[in-house]
Amino acid sequence: MRAVVQRVSSASVTVDGKVVGRLSRAGLLVYLGVTHDDGPAEVSWMARKIWGLRILPEERSASELDAPVLVVSQFTLYGDASKGRRPTWAAAAPGPVSEPVYDELCGELVALGAHVEKGVFGADMLVESVNDGPFTVLLER
């Protein structure tokens, strides 16, 4: 499981002209990639890591500030462009495998106390954000 976590002052996801997820105040934008063997252990670790990561102002976490989290599925995090000019997505789990894992991660964040906004799994999404810092961290388990 891979996550690109950005500290943002605002962010939104639009699908077919409709905003489906929005952070109207400072929080975290998380792009999540799932690989074939990700399961409950990876979900639990990643949710706790995202919620407790001290990357918000004054080295505080989203859990300390009750900051919202916007989670967007992104299979391209498992793209491999090391050969040729066209990436391969072989390491990314297919939708029937990755969508439940994505939903479990969002549910685990909610269980930890997070206000979670989501994109639409598998949709063509327009993601807008204002990266604060800029501050971006790659997490992998």
C-alpha atoms as a PDB file:
ATOM      1  CA  MET A   1       0.000   0.000   0.000  1.00  0.00           C
ATOM      2  CA  ARG A   2       1.277   3.432  -0.921  1.00  0.00           C
ATOM      3  CA  ALA A   3      -0.034   6.826   0.059  1.00  0.00           C
ATOM      4  CA  VAL A   4       1.047  10.272  -1.007  1.00  0.00           C
ATOM      5  CA  VAL A   5       0.014  12.570   1.826  1.00  0.00           C
ATOM      6  CA  GLN A   6      -0.122  16.319   1.318  1.00  0.00           C
ATOM      7  CA  ARG A   7      -0.705  19.026   3.873  1.00  0.00           C
ATOM      8  CA  VAL A   8      -3.306  21.264   2.239  1.00  0.00           C
ATOM      9  CA  SER A   9      -5.157  24.437   3.111  1.00  0.00           C
ATOM     10  CA  SER A  10      -8.038  23.298   0.876  1.00  0.00           C
ATOM     11  CA  ALA A  11      -8.846  20.528  -1.582  1.00  0.00           C
ATOM     12  CA  SER A  12     -11.737  19.189  -3.632  1.00  0.00           C
ATOM     13  CA  VAL A  13     -12.637  16.345  -5.979  1.00  0.00           C
ATOM     14  CA  THR A  14     -15.042  16.874  -8.863  1.00  0.00           C
ATOM     15  CA  VAL A  15     -16.650  14.112 -10.943  1.00  0.00           C
ATOM     16  CA  ASP A  16     -18.833  14.948 -13.959  1.00  0.00           C
ATOM     17  CA  GLY A  17     -19.003  18.602 -12.918  1.00  0.00           C
ATOM     18  CA  LYS A  18     -20.161  17.821  -9.363  1.00  0.00           C
ATOM     19  CA  VAL A  19     -18.016  18.268  -6.260  1.00  0.00           C
ATOM     20  CA  VAL A  20     -18.046  14.898  -4.475  1.00  0.00           C
ATOM     21  CA  GLY A  21     -15.486  15.597  -1.744  1.00  0.00           C
ATOM     22  CA  ARG A  22     -14.146  18.806  -0.265  1.00  0.00           C
ATOM     23  CA  LEU A  23     -11.863  20.051   2.482  1.00  0.00           C
ATOM     24  CA  SER A  24     -12.953  23.595   3.239  1.00  0.00           C
ATOM     25  CA  ARG A  25     -10.280  23.988   5.916  1.00  0.00           C
ATOM     26  CA  ALA A  26      -6.711  22.817   6.456  1.00  0.00           C
ATOM     27  CA  GLY A  27      -6.191  19.067   6.490  1.00  0.00           C
ATOM     28  CA  LEU A  28      -4.662  16.194   4.557  1.00  0.00           C
ATOM     29  CA  LEU A  29      -5.111  15.119   0.951  1.00  0.00           C
ATOM     30  CA  VAL A  30      -4.243  11.426   0.573  1.00  0.00           C
ATOM     31  CA  TYR A  31      -3.698   9.689  -2.760  1.00  0.00           C
ATOM     32  CA  LEU A  32      -3.941   5.940  -2.077  1.00  0.00           C
ATOM     33  CA  GLY A  33      -2.553   3.104  -4.180  1.00  0.00           C
ATOM     34  CA  VAL A  34      -3.281  -0.554  -3.432  1.00  0.00           C
ATOM     35  CA  THR A  35      -1.260  -3.566  -4.561  1.00  0.00           C
ATOM     36  CA  HIS A  36      -2.294  -7.217  -4.834  1.00  0.00           C
ATOM     37  CA  ASP A  37      -1.495  -8.474  -1.336  1.00  0.00           C
ATOM     38  CA  ASP A  38      -2.679  -5.510   0.760  1.00  0.00           C
ATOM     39  CA  GLY A  39      -5.023  -6.507   3.549  1.00  0.00           C
ATOM     40  CA  PRO A  40      -6.165  -5.651   7.083  1.00  0.00           C
ATOM     41  CA  ALA A  41      -2.642  -5.249   8.520  1.00  0.00           C
ATOM     42  CA  GLU A  42      -1.689  -2.697   5.859  1.00  0.00           C
ATOM     43  CA  VAL A  43      -5.024  -0.869   6.207  1.00  0.00           C
ATOM     44  CA  SER A  44      -4.665  -0.570   9.976  1.00  0.00           C
ATOM     45  CA  TRP A  45      -1.047   0.573   9.812  1.00  0.00           C
ATOM     46  CA  MET A  46      -1.710   3.125   7.071  1.00  0.00           C
ATOM     47  CA  ALA A  47      -4.793   4.606   8.750  1.00  0.00           C
ATOM     48  CA  ARG A  48      -2.970   5.031  12.067  1.00  0.00           C
ATOM     49  CA  LYS A  49       0.055   6.496  10.298  1.00  0.00           C
ATOM     50  CA  ILE A  50      -1.999   9.034   8.309  1.00  0.00           C
ATOM     51  CA  TRP A  51      -4.087  10.076  11.329  1.00  0.00           C
ATOM     52  CA  GLY A  52      -1.063  10.446  13.619  1.00  0.00           C
ATOM     53  CA  LEU A  53       1.484  11.871  11.162  1.00  0.00           C
ATOM     54  CA  ARG A  54       2.839  15.113  12.609  1.00  0.00           C
ATOM     55  CA  ILE A  55       3.033  17.206   9.432  1.00  0.00           C
ATOM     56  CA  LEU A  56       0.468  19.902  10.178  1.00  0.00           C
ATOM     57  CA  PRO A  57       1.498  23.309  11.585  1.00  0.00           C
ATOM     58  CA  GLU A  58       3.577  23.255  14.763  1.00  0.00           C
ATOM     59  CA  GLU A  59       4.381  19.564  14.121  1.00  0.00           C
ATOM     60  CA  ARG A  60       0.889  18.471  15.059  1.00  0.00           C
ATOM     61  CA  SER A  61      -1.158  15.636  13.587  1.00  0.00           C
ATOM     62  CA  ALA A  62      -4.607  15.551  12.045  1.00  0.00           C
ATOM     63  CA  SER A  63      -5.764  13.697  15.157  1.00  0.00           C
ATOM     64  CA  GLU A  64      -4.504  16.500  17.421  1.00  0.00           C
ATOM     65  CA  LEU A  65      -6.123  19.227  15.335  1.00  0.00           C
ATOM     66  CA  ASP A  66      -9.239  17.288  14.301  1.00  0.00           C
ATOM     67  CA  ALA A  67      -8.220  18.092  10.724  1.00  0.00           C
ATOM     68  CA  PRO A  68     -10.242  16.557   7.879  1.00  0.00           C
ATOM     69  CA  VAL A  69      -8.816  14.009   5.440  1.00  0.00           C
ATOM     70  CA  LEU A  70      -9.679  13.697   1.744  1.00  0.00           C
ATOM     71  CA  VAL A  71      -8.808  10.233   0.369  1.00  0.00           C
ATOM     72  CA  VAL A  72      -8.528   9.699  -3.392  1.00  0.00           C
ATOM     73  CA  SER A  73      -7.859   6.295  -4.958  1.00  0.00           C
ATOM     74  CA  GLN A  74      -4.927   6.354  -7.371  1.00  0.00           C
ATOM     75  CA  PHE A  75      -3.757   3.113  -8.954  1.00  0.00           C
ATOM     76  CA  THR A  76      -1.057   5.044 -10.826  1.00  0.00           C
ATOM     77  CA  LEU A  77       1.027   5.110  -7.628  1.00  0.00           C
ATOM     78  CA  TYR A  78       1.964   1.563  -8.614  1.00  0.00           C
ATOM     79  CA  GLY A  79       2.943   2.507 -12.156  1.00  0.00           C
ATOM     80  CA  ASP A  80       6.364   1.390 -13.355  1.00  0.00           C
ATOM     81  CA  ALA A  81       7.971   3.468 -16.088  1.00  0.00           C
ATOM     82  CA  SER A  82      11.488   2.065 -15.749  1.00  0.00           C
ATOM     83  CA  LYS A  83      11.403   0.500 -19.230  1.00  0.00           C
ATOM     84  CA  GLY A  84      10.220   2.133 -22.393  1.00  0.00           C
ATOM     85  CA  ARG A  85       7.925   5.137 -22.566  1.00  0.00           C
ATOM     86  CA  ARG A  86       4.661   3.540 -21.494  1.00  0.00           C
ATOM     87  CA  PRO A  87       4.170   2.689 -17.800  1.00  0.00           C
ATOM     88  CA  THR A  88       2.915  -0.693 -16.733  1.00  0.00           C
ATOM     89  CA  TRP A  89       0.306  -1.020 -13.982  1.00  0.00           C
ATOM     90  CA  ALA A  90       0.961  -4.694 -13.187  1.00  0.00           C
ATOM     91  CA  ALA A  91       1.734  -3.974  -9.506  1.00  0.00           C
ATOM     92  CA  ALA A  92      -1.587  -2.167  -8.977  1.00  0.00           C
ATOM     93  CA  ALA A  93      -4.407  -4.332  -7.669  1.00  0.00           C
ATOM     94  CA  PRO A  94      -7.455  -4.520  -9.959  1.00  0.00           C
ATOM     95  CA  GLY A  95     -10.627  -2.693  -8.925  1.00  0.00           C
ATOM     96  CA  PRO A  96     -12.422  -5.691  -7.377  1.00  0.00           C
ATOM     97  CA  VAL A  97      -9.422  -6.137  -5.052  1.00  0.00           C
ATOM     98  CA  SER A  98      -8.465  -2.525  -4.402  1.00  0.00           C
ATOM     99  CA  GLU A  99     -11.891  -0.891  -3.962  1.00  0.00           C
ATOM    100  CA  PRO A 100     -12.742  -2.808  -0.756  1.00  0.00           C
ATOM    101  CA  VAL A 101      -9.269  -2.000   0.618  1.00  0.00           C
ATOM    102  CA  TYR A 102      -9.779   1.695  -0.195  1.00  0.00           C
ATOM    103  CA  ASP A 103     -13.177   1.622   1.539  1.00  0.00           C
ATOM    104  CA  GLU A 104     -11.673  -0.177   4.557  1.00  0.00           C
ATOM    105  CA  LEU A 105      -8.958   2.455   4.899  1.00  0.00           C
ATOM    106  CA  CYS A 106     -11.550   5.243   4.828  1.00  0.00           C
ATOM    107  CA  GLY A 107     -13.640   3.360   7.398  1.00  0.00           C
ATOM    108  CA  GLU A 108     -10.626   2.812   9.632  1.00  0.00           C
ATOM    109  CA  LEU A 109      -9.841   6.546   9.555  1.00  0.00           C
ATOM    110  CA  VAL A 110     -13.449   7.289  10.556  1.00  0.00           C
ATOM    111  CA  ALA A 111     -13.171   4.741  13.378  1.00  0.00           C
ATOM    112  CA  LEU A 112     -10.075   6.574  14.608  1.00  0.00           C
ATOM    113  CA  GLY A 113     -12.090   9.807  14.743  1.00  0.00           C
ATOM    114  CA  ALA A 114     -11.326  11.431  11.386  1.00  0.00           C
ATOM    115  CA  HIS A 115     -13.763  13.388   9.275  1.00  0.00           C
ATOM    116  CA  VAL A 116     -13.181  11.709   5.899  1.00  0.00           C
ATOM    117  CA  GLU A 117     -14.137  12.993   2.474  1.00  0.00           C
ATOM    118  CA  LYS A 118     -13.687  10.723  -0.538  1.00  0.00           C
ATOM    119  CA  GLY A 119     -13.302  10.740  -4.265  1.00  0.00           C
ATOM    120  CA  VAL A 120     -15.236   8.259  -6.420  1.00  0.00           C
ATOM    121  CA  PHE A 121     -13.366   5.004  -6.876  1.00  0.00           C
ATOM    122  CA  GLY A 122     -12.452   4.355 -10.510  1.00  0.00           C
ATOM    123  CA  ALA A 123     -13.921   7.636 -11.766  1.00  0.00           C
ATOM    124  CA  ASP A 124     -12.205  10.246 -13.890  1.00  0.00           C
ATOM    125  CA  MET A 125     -11.669  12.856 -11.161  1.00  0.00           C
ATOM    126  CA  LEU A 126     -10.573  16.455 -11.197  1.00  0.00           C
ATOM    127  CA  VAL A 127      -8.593  17.030  -8.007  1.00  0.00           C
ATOM    128  CA  GLU A 128      -7.818  20.580  -6.936  1.00  0.00           C
ATOM    129  CA  SER A 129      -5.703  21.423  -3.926  1.00  0.00           C
ATOM    130  CA  VAL A 130      -3.614  24.114  -2.322  1.00  0.00           C
ATOM    131  CA  ASN A 131      -0.528  22.372  -0.966  1.00  0.00           C
ATOM    132  CA  ASP A 132       0.534  24.129   2.235  1.00  0.00           C
ATOM    133  CA  GLY A 133       4.295  24.357   2.514  1.00  0.00           C
ATOM    134  CA  PRO A 134       4.487  22.680   0.048  1.00  0.00           C
ATOM    135  CA  PHE A 135       4.552  19.559   2.177  1.00  0.00           C
ATOM    136  CA  THR A 136       4.242  16.069   0.684  1.00  0.00           C
ATOM    137  CA  VAL A 137       5.169  12.694   2.215  1.00  0.00           C
ATOM    138  CA  LEU A 138       5.226   9.216   0.673  1.00  0.00           C
ATOM    139  CA  LEU A 139       4.121   6.391   2.979  1.00  0.00           C
ATOM    140  CA  GLU A 140       4.534   2.745   2.052  1.00  0.00           C
ATOM    141  CA  ARG A 141       3.767  -0.497   3.862  1.00  0.00           C
END
